[in-house]
Amino acid sequence: MTNLSFEKNPVHILIVDDQKADRISTKLECEGVFGNISSGNLVTIEAESVESALTAMAAHVFHIILLDE
């Protein structure tokens, strides 16, 4: 069994929402949830559109992608 360390492998999250306030709120919530288990090694990237989300996904690997309706 592989032992994953969040210190060496940060949690990468993509937040996709057209509303800036909602992106900020979601980011703060993720920091609260994942900050404790990842020893603060959390990477969040925000995208305001599908196009910018696709660009981010082409450049990075994400563990979690949160989409607005």
Protein backbone atom coordinates (compact mmCIF):
# COMPACT_ATOMS: atom_id res chain seq x y z
CA MET A 1 0.00 0.00 0.00
CA THR A 2 1.32 3.43 -0.94
CA ASN A 3 1.70 5.99 1.82
CA LEU A 4 0.69 9.39 0.44
CA SER A 5 2.10 12.42 2.19
CA PHE A 6 0.32 15.73 1.70
CA GLU A 7 3.56 17.48 2.61
CA LYS A 8 5.14 16.10 -0.56
CA ASN A 9 1.91 15.91 -2.57
CA PRO A 10 -0.28 18.98 -2.09
CA VAL A 11 -4.01 18.85 -2.71
CA HIS A 12 -4.80 20.69 -5.97
CA ILE A 13 -8.31 22.14 -6.31
CA LEU A 14 -9.84 23.97 -9.26
CA ILE A 15 -12.77 26.25 -8.40
CA VAL A 16 -14.94 27.21 -11.39
CA ASP A 17 -17.53 29.94 -10.80
CA ASP A 18 -18.44 33.11 -12.66
CA GLN A 19 -19.01 35.00 -9.38
CA LYS A 20 -15.83 36.22 -7.67
CA ALA A 21 -17.48 36.28 -4.22
CA ASP A 22 -18.55 32.64 -4.61
CA ARG A 23 -15.02 31.61 -5.67
CA ILE A 24 -13.57 33.33 -2.61
CA SER A 25 -16.14 31.72 -0.32
CA THR A 26 -15.47 28.28 -1.80
CA LYS A 27 -11.71 28.77 -1.47
CA LEU A 28 -12.05 29.70 2.21
CA GLU A 29 -14.24 26.64 2.80
CA CYS A 30 -11.67 24.38 1.10
CA GLU A 31 -8.89 25.86 3.21
CA GLY A 32 -10.93 25.08 6.31
CA VAL A 33 -11.68 21.50 5.24
CA PHE A 34 -8.39 20.50 3.62
CA GLY A 35 -5.98 22.81 5.43
CA ASN A 36 -5.82 20.58 8.49
CA ILE A 37 -5.19 17.31 6.65
CA SER A 38 -2.78 18.72 4.11
CA SER A 39 -0.56 20.57 6.62
CA GLY A 40 -1.38 23.79 4.80
CA ASN A 41 -0.08 22.31 1.54
CA LEU A 42 -3.15 23.22 -0.50
CA VAL A 43 -3.15 24.68 -4.01
CA THR A 44 -6.34 26.32 -5.24
CA ILE A 45 -6.78 27.81 -8.67
CA GLU A 46 -9.81 29.86 -9.63
CA ALA A 47 -11.47 30.02 -13.04
CA GLU A 48 -14.32 32.34 -13.97
CA SER A 49 -15.38 30.54 -17.14
CA VAL A 50 -15.36 27.14 -18.82
CA GLU A 51 -12.66 28.37 -21.17
CA SER A 52 -10.34 29.46 -18.37
CA ALA A 53 -11.08 26.18 -16.53
CA LEU A 54 -10.07 24.16 -19.61
CA THR A 55 -6.86 26.18 -19.88
CA ALA A 56 -6.09 25.48 -16.21
CA MET A 57 -6.84 21.76 -16.65
CA ALA A 58 -4.50 21.59 -19.63
CA ALA A 59 -1.68 23.05 -17.52
CA HIS A 60 -2.26 21.29 -14.17
CA VAL A 61 -3.51 18.04 -12.69
CA PHE A 62 -6.30 18.58 -10.15
CA HIS A 63 -7.45 16.22 -7.42
CA ILE A 64 -10.76 18.08 -7.04
CA ILE A 65 -12.73 20.25 -9.48
CA LEU A 66 -15.63 22.25 -8.06
CA LEU A 67 -18.12 23.55 -10.64
CA ASP A 68 -20.83 26.16 -10.35
CA GLU A 69 -24.24 25.29 -11.78
